[in-house]
Amino acid sequence: MTESRSALLRLVEALKQRGYHFVTPTPATHARVVARADRSEARDLVDILGWSLPFAPSRIDAALLALLEAGEALEAADDGLLRSRFRVSSLKDDLYLHSAYPTEAGDSVFFGPDSYRFADLIEAELAIARLPSGAAIVDIGTGAGVGALVAAKLCPDATVWMTDVNPAALRLAAINAEAAGAPIRAVESTTLDAIARPIDLALANPPYIIDDDARTYRDGGGMLGGQVSVDMARMAMHRLKSGGRLILYTGSAIVRGADLLGRALAALAGAEGCDLRYREIDPDVFGEELERPAYAEVDRIAVVAAIFTKR
């Protein structure tokens, strides 16, 4: 284990011991909050590691500051202040390291309201039908590791993998999993070839927004942001065992009342020999995106759940 990884792991553990808690909002809400006149500089730990505000070293105790330094998590801000390169967010009983606000870099590790809804969806679906003992679970495009970690804690005898194309994401996800005491295997790959076993449960929370900069963590590709969701679903369904499930949490751009992604996923399920349960979880998210030319014909962006079961 590298010194920086060990330091970040100890940072998460120390924050747990201190009862640290922060719920990450949408980027639009985050921007509005930190634009307030009294938010130009951090006043406490939540401002530093939640709201990503610049801070004076005296605002944080020496032990945590040393861990941030050893974890290569600090960068210089204006007027001699410092800023954390990471945020730490709460979800259920665990803490997650992810990228600081704003997430502008191409290899940013995103975490937000979708993470909470995705976790709740997994929990609800596993309550409906438990997995067999020793199940194989794969979280595709894991990001900060939410899907893998939630599933691993709900199914402690399962073998769990998390995959991503972003090594920065896998690094933080591995730290998050270890801090939570969840044994999860990390695989950097665009495919599922490294998982030799048939899959009992695949999880996916792909990006679904059109991103002008084509940042991997945010860009859902063609179909008004739905293409990555279709591609991930197809890849997962090819590897599901009979009775295996894919829990897909994503967003769909609704055009003149039509859910084009829903239609595409239904057709894909039929072609791949899967039954599909599909529903809207939230009818309207990221409304600010509709002001962009790419969404000129879109009524709204809905968050959807697509549950595929292999026949």
Protein backbone atom coordinates (compact mmCIF):
# COMPACT_ATOMS: atom_id res chain seq x y z
CA MET A 1 0.00 0.00 0.00
CA THR A 2 1.41 3.40 -0.98
CA GLU A 3 1.86 6.08 1.66
CA SER A 4 -0.77 8.33 0.05
CA ARG A 5 -3.37 5.53 -0.14
CA SER A 6 -2.71 4.54 3.46
CA ALA A 7 -3.11 8.16 4.56
CA LEU A 8 -6.43 8.55 2.74
CA LEU A 9 -7.71 5.32 4.26
CA ARG A 10 -6.75 6.54 7.73
CA LEU A 11 -8.40 9.88 6.96
CA VAL A 12 -11.74 8.20 6.22
CA GLU A 13 -11.41 6.08 9.36
CA ALA A 14 -10.60 9.15 11.47
CA LEU A 15 -13.59 11.03 10.07
CA LYS A 16 -15.87 8.10 10.95
CA GLN A 17 -14.57 8.13 14.51
CA ARG A 18 -15.31 11.86 14.75
CA GLY A 19 -18.88 11.47 13.51
CA TYR A 20 -18.30 13.43 10.30
CA HIS A 21 -21.43 13.70 8.13
CA PHE A 22 -22.09 15.43 4.80
CA VAL A 23 -24.82 14.85 2.20
CA THR A 24 -23.71 15.89 -1.28
CA PRO A 25 -26.24 17.95 -3.26
CA THR A 26 -26.45 18.49 -7.02
CA PRO A 27 -23.72 20.62 -8.60
CA ALA A 28 -26.27 23.41 -9.17
CA THR A 29 -27.20 23.48 -5.49
CA HIS A 30 -23.55 23.28 -4.49
CA ALA A 31 -22.77 26.29 -6.68
CA ARG A 32 -25.58 28.33 -5.15
CA VAL A 33 -24.51 27.54 -1.59
CA VAL A 34 -20.80 28.31 -2.01
CA ALA A 35 -21.63 31.56 -3.85
CA ARG A 36 -23.09 33.03 -0.65
CA ALA A 37 -21.16 35.90 0.90
CA ASP A 38 -20.38 33.96 4.06
CA ARG A 39 -18.97 30.97 2.19
CA SER A 40 -15.75 32.42 0.80
CA GLU A 41 -13.63 30.57 3.38
CA ALA A 42 -14.16 27.37 5.38
CA ARG A 43 -15.23 27.62 9.00
CA ASP A 44 -15.26 23.92 9.89
CA LEU A 45 -14.49 20.40 8.70
CA VAL A 46 -17.70 20.07 6.68
CA ASP A 47 -16.84 23.28 4.81
CA ILE A 48 -13.40 21.86 4.04
CA LEU A 49 -14.26 18.28 3.05
CA GLY A 50 -17.90 18.68 2.06
CA TRP A 51 -18.32 22.09 0.47
CA SER A 52 -14.75 22.22 -0.94
CA LEU A 53 -14.09 25.69 0.46
CA PRO A 54 -10.55 27.06 0.84
CA PHE A 55 -9.28 27.00 4.40
CA ALA A 56 -6.57 28.25 6.70
CA PRO A 57 -4.48 25.40 8.18
CA SER A 58 -5.58 26.49 11.66
CA ARG A 59 -9.20 25.50 10.82
CA ILE A 60 -8.38 21.79 10.91
CA ASP A 61 -6.65 19.82 13.64
CA ALA A 62 -3.04 18.82 13.07
CA ALA A 63 -3.71 15.08 12.79
CA LEU A 64 -6.22 15.45 9.94
CA LEU A 65 -4.07 18.06 8.21
CA ALA A 66 -1.13 15.66 8.30
CA LEU A 67 -3.25 12.90 6.76
CA LEU A 68 -4.41 15.24 3.99
CA GLU A 69 -0.80 16.19 3.29
CA ALA A 70 0.40 12.58 3.29
CA GLY A 71 -2.54 11.63 1.07
CA GLU A 72 -1.51 14.23 -1.52
CA ALA A 73 -4.95 15.75 -1.06
CA LEU A 74 -4.03 19.42 -0.68
CA GLU A 75 -3.53 22.19 -3.21
CA ALA A 76 -2.81 25.88 -2.83
CA ALA A 77 -5.66 28.39 -2.98
CA ASP A 78 -5.54 32.21 -2.95
CA ASP A 79 -4.25 34.30 -0.05
CA GLY A 80 -2.18 31.50 1.46
CA LEU A 81 -5.17 29.25 1.97
CA LEU A 82 -5.39 25.54 1.14
CA ARG A 83 -8.05 23.45 -0.57
CA SER A 84 -8.79 19.74 -0.43
CA ARG A 85 -8.65 17.86 -3.73
CA PHE A 86 -11.29 15.46 -2.42
CA ARG A 87 -14.70 15.59 -0.83
CA VAL A 88 -15.98 13.08 1.71
CA SER A 89 -19.68 12.25 1.67
CA SER A 90 -21.97 10.14 3.85
CA LEU A 91 -24.19 7.38 2.49
CA LYS A 92 -25.97 5.05 4.91
CA ASP A 93 -23.30 4.05 7.47
CA ASP A 94 -20.25 4.72 5.31
CA LEU A 95 -18.11 7.57 4.04
CA TYR A 96 -16.99 7.98 0.43
CA LEU A 97 -13.99 9.82 -0.93
CA HIS A 98 -14.65 11.48 -4.28
CA SER A 99 -13.54 14.51 -6.29
CA ALA A 100 -13.77 18.02 -4.91
CA TYR A 101 -16.19 20.57 -6.32
CA PRO A 102 -16.20 21.61 -9.12
CA THR A 103 -15.68 18.32 -10.96
CA GLU A 104 -14.08 19.74 -14.08
CA ALA A 105 -11.27 17.26 -14.80
CA GLY A 106 -11.79 14.44 -17.25
CA ASP A 107 -10.97 11.83 -14.60
CA SER A 108 -13.19 13.30 -11.89
CA VAL A 109 -14.85 10.82 -9.54
CA PHE A 110 -18.47 11.87 -9.17
CA PHE A 111 -20.84 11.40 -6.26
CA GLY A 112 -24.20 13.10 -5.73
CA PRO A 113 -27.95 12.63 -5.35
CA ASP A 114 -27.91 9.86 -7.97
CA SER A 115 -25.59 7.91 -5.65
CA TYR A 116 -28.20 7.95 -2.88
CA ARG A 117 -31.04 6.91 -5.18
CA PHE A 118 -28.91 4.16 -6.73
CA ALA A 119 -28.10 2.77 -3.29
CA ASP A 120 -31.77 2.78 -2.31
CA LEU A 121 -32.71 1.03 -5.56
CA ILE A 122 -30.18 -1.76 -4.95
CA GLU A 123 -31.39 -2.20 -1.39
CA ALA A 124 -35.03 -2.37 -2.51
CA GLU A 125 -34.38 -4.85 -5.30
CA LEU A 126 -32.32 -7.19 -3.12
CA ALA A 127 -35.10 -7.13 -0.54
CA ILE A 128 -37.54 -8.32 -3.22
CA ALA A 129 -35.38 -11.30 -4.23
CA ARG A 130 -32.25 -12.36 -2.39
CA LEU A 131 -29.23 -13.69 -4.25
CA PRO A 132 -28.02 -17.28 -3.95
CA SER A 133 -25.18 -18.02 -1.55
CA GLY A 134 -21.77 -17.22 -3.06
CA ALA A 135 -23.25 -15.04 -5.78
CA ALA A 136 -21.11 -13.15 -8.29
CA ILE A 137 -21.82 -9.40 -8.28
CA VAL A 138 -20.30 -6.83 -10.63
CA ASP A 139 -20.64 -3.05 -10.41
CA ILE A 140 -19.94 -1.71 -13.91
CA GLY A 141 -18.46 1.80 -14.05
CA THR A 142 -18.26 1.89 -10.28
CA GLY A 143 -17.08 5.49 -9.80
CA ALA A 144 -16.69 6.01 -6.04
CA GLY A 145 -17.80 2.41 -5.46
CA VAL A 146 -21.36 2.95 -4.24
CA GLY A 147 -23.03 0.04 -6.04
CA ALA A 148 -20.33 -2.47 -5.19
CA LEU A 149 -20.11 -1.41 -1.56
CA VAL A 150 -23.86 -1.37 -0.93
CA ALA A 151 -24.30 -4.79 -2.55
CA ALA A 152 -21.31 -6.27 -0.72
CA LYS A 153 -22.68 -5.22 2.66
CA LEU A 154 -26.13 -6.59 1.83
CA CYS A 155 -24.68 -9.87 0.51
CA PRO A 156 -21.62 -10.57 2.69
CA ASP A 157 -20.99 -14.06 1.26
CA ALA A 158 -20.95 -12.83 -2.36
CA THR A 159 -17.87 -12.27 -4.50
CA VAL A 160 -17.97 -8.65 -5.65
CA TRP A 161 -16.09 -6.95 -8.46
CA MET A 162 -16.08 -3.29 -9.42
CA THR A 163 -14.96 -2.14 -12.85
CA ASP A 164 -14.15 1.27 -14.28
CA VAL A 165 -12.13 2.79 -17.10
CA ASN A 166 -10.88 5.50 -14.73
CA PRO A 167 -7.92 4.47 -12.51
CA ALA A 168 -8.57 7.48 -10.26
CA ALA A 169 -12.08 6.19 -9.60
CA LEU A 170 -10.89 2.66 -8.84
CA ARG A 171 -8.27 4.01 -6.43
CA LEU A 172 -10.84 5.95 -4.39
CA ALA A 173 -13.43 3.17 -4.65
CA ALA A 174 -10.91 0.66 -3.27
CA ILE A 175 -10.17 2.97 -0.33
CA ASN A 176 -13.89 3.46 0.31
CA ALA A 177 -14.47 -0.29 0.26
CA GLU A 178 -11.59 -1.04 2.62
CA ALA A 179 -12.71 1.68 5.03
CA ALA A 180 -16.16 0.04 5.06
CA GLY A 181 -14.72 -3.43 5.65
CA ALA A 182 -16.08 -4.73 2.33
CA PRO A 183 -13.77 -7.09 0.36
CA ILE A 184 -14.20 -6.02 -3.26
CA ARG A 185 -12.01 -6.74 -6.28
CA ALA A 186 -11.16 -3.78 -8.54
CA VAL A 187 -10.72 -4.20 -12.31
CA GLU A 188 -9.69 -1.42 -14.70
CA SER A 189 -11.41 -2.38 -17.95
CA THR A 190 -13.96 -1.40 -20.57
CA THR A 191 -15.27 -4.98 -20.66
CA LEU A 192 -16.27 -7.80 -18.30
CA ASP A 193 -13.67 -10.20 -19.67
CA ALA A 194 -11.75 -10.30 -16.37
CA ILE A 195 -14.78 -11.78 -14.60
CA ALA A 196 -14.69 -15.46 -15.54
CA ARG A 197 -17.87 -16.51 -13.71
CA PRO A 198 -21.45 -16.09 -14.92
CA ILE A 199 -22.91 -13.06 -13.16
CA ASP A 200 -25.77 -13.29 -10.66
CA LEU A 201 -26.15 -9.53 -10.26
CA ALA A 202 -24.84 -6.71 -12.42
CA LEU A 203 -25.15 -3.09 -11.29
CA ALA A 204 -24.79 0.03 -13.38
CA ASN A 205 -25.24 3.74 -12.76
CA PRO A 206 -23.86 5.17 -16.01
CA PRO A 207 -23.58 8.84 -16.94
CA TYR A 208 -26.62 10.13 -18.84
CA ILE A 209 -25.98 13.83 -19.46
CA ILE A 210 -24.75 15.26 -22.75
CA ASP A 211 -21.33 16.73 -21.95
CA ASP A 212 -19.73 19.14 -24.41
CA ASP A 213 -16.27 18.15 -23.16
CA ALA A 214 -17.02 14.41 -23.40
CA ARG A 215 -15.80 13.79 -19.85
CA THR A 216 -16.12 10.07 -19.16
CA TYR A 217 -17.70 10.41 -15.72
CA ARG A 218 -20.47 12.66 -17.08
CA ASP A 219 -21.04 12.03 -20.79
CA GLY A 220 -23.80 9.58 -21.68
CA GLY A 221 -22.97 9.63 -25.40
CA GLY A 222 -25.51 9.59 -28.22
CA MET A 223 -29.27 9.11 -27.93
CA LEU A 224 -29.41 12.39 -25.94
CA GLY A 225 -27.18 10.84 -23.31
CA GLY A 226 -28.65 7.33 -23.36
CA GLN A 227 -26.11 5.43 -25.44
CA VAL A 228 -23.74 4.49 -22.62
CA SER A 229 -26.71 3.07 -20.69
CA VAL A 230 -27.69 0.87 -23.64
CA ASP A 231 -24.09 -0.26 -24.19
CA MET A 232 -23.60 -1.17 -20.52
CA ALA A 233 -26.91 -3.02 -20.42
CA ARG A 234 -26.03 -5.03 -23.50
CA MET A 235 -22.60 -5.94 -22.10
CA ALA A 236 -24.08 -7.02 -18.76
CA MET A 237 -26.92 -9.08 -20.25
CA HIS A 238 -24.45 -11.11 -22.29
CA ARG A 239 -22.86 -12.28 -19.04
CA LEU A 240 -25.88 -12.88 -16.81
CA LYS A 241 -26.59 -16.45 -15.76
CA SER A 242 -30.13 -17.79 -16.01
CA GLY A 243 -32.13 -15.96 -13.35
CA GLY A 244 -29.42 -13.33 -13.04
CA ARG A 245 -30.35 -9.66 -12.82
CA LEU A 246 -29.09 -6.30 -14.01
CA ILE A 247 -30.08 -3.28 -11.93
CA LEU A 248 -29.64 -0.26 -14.18
CA TYR A 249 -30.11 3.21 -12.72
CA THR A 250 -29.90 5.96 -15.30
CA GLY A 251 -31.56 9.00 -16.84
CA SER A 252 -33.72 9.34 -19.92
CA ALA A 253 -34.33 12.46 -21.97
CA ILE A 254 -38.07 12.61 -22.64
CA VAL A 255 -38.82 14.12 -26.06
CA ARG A 256 -42.39 15.32 -26.68
CA GLY A 257 -43.65 12.79 -24.17
CA ALA A 258 -41.69 9.87 -25.63
CA ASP A 259 -39.17 7.88 -23.56
CA LEU A 260 -36.75 6.88 -26.31
CA LEU A 261 -34.32 5.18 -23.95
CA GLY A 262 -37.13 3.11 -22.43
CA ARG A 263 -38.07 1.88 -25.90
CA ALA A 264 -34.45 1.01 -26.72
CA LEU A 265 -33.98 -0.91 -23.48
CA ALA A 266 -37.24 -2.83 -24.00
CA ALA A 267 -36.10 -3.87 -27.47
CA LEU A 268 -32.70 -4.88 -26.11
CA ALA A 269 -34.26 -6.97 -23.35
CA GLY A 270 -36.34 -8.87 -25.90
CA ALA A 271 -33.31 -9.50 -28.09
CA GLU A 272 -31.20 -10.73 -25.15
CA GLY A 273 -33.82 -13.05 -23.65
CA CYS A 274 -34.51 -10.94 -20.58
CA ASP A 275 -37.64 -9.80 -18.79
CA LEU A 276 -37.70 -6.08 -18.02
CA ARG A 277 -39.29 -4.05 -15.24
CA TYR A 278 -38.99 -0.35 -15.98
CA ARG A 279 -40.18 2.71 -14.11
CA GLU A 280 -39.47 6.36 -13.46
CA ILE A 281 -37.92 7.10 -10.07
CA ASP A 282 -37.85 10.88 -10.45
CA PRO A 283 -39.66 12.63 -13.32
CA ASP A 284 -37.47 15.73 -13.47
CA VAL A 285 -33.77 16.16 -12.66
CA PHE A 286 -31.02 18.48 -13.93
CA GLY A 287 -33.59 20.92 -15.30
CA GLU A 288 -30.85 23.50 -15.87
CA GLU A 289 -29.49 21.30 -18.67
CA LEU A 290 -32.59 22.02 -20.78
CA GLU A 291 -31.31 25.54 -21.38
CA ARG A 292 -28.49 24.12 -23.51
CA PRO A 293 -28.93 23.77 -27.32
CA ALA A 294 -28.33 20.00 -27.18
CA TYR A 295 -31.61 19.65 -25.25
CA ALA A 296 -33.71 21.96 -27.43
CA GLU A 297 -36.34 19.27 -28.11
CA VAL A 298 -36.31 17.66 -24.65
CA ASP A 299 -39.26 18.08 -22.26
CA ARG A 300 -37.49 16.82 -19.16
CA ILE A 301 -34.80 14.42 -17.94
CA ALA A 302 -36.24 11.56 -15.89
CA VAL A 303 -34.36 9.21 -13.60
CA VAL A 304 -35.35 5.62 -14.40
CA ALA A 305 -34.83 2.12 -13.03
CA ALA A 306 -34.51 -0.77 -15.47
CA ILE A 307 -34.39 -4.25 -13.91
CA PHE A 308 -33.48 -7.03 -16.34
CA THR A 309 -33.83 -10.71 -15.45
CA LYS A 310 -32.28 -13.36 -17.67
CA ARG A 311 -34.71 -16.10 -18.62
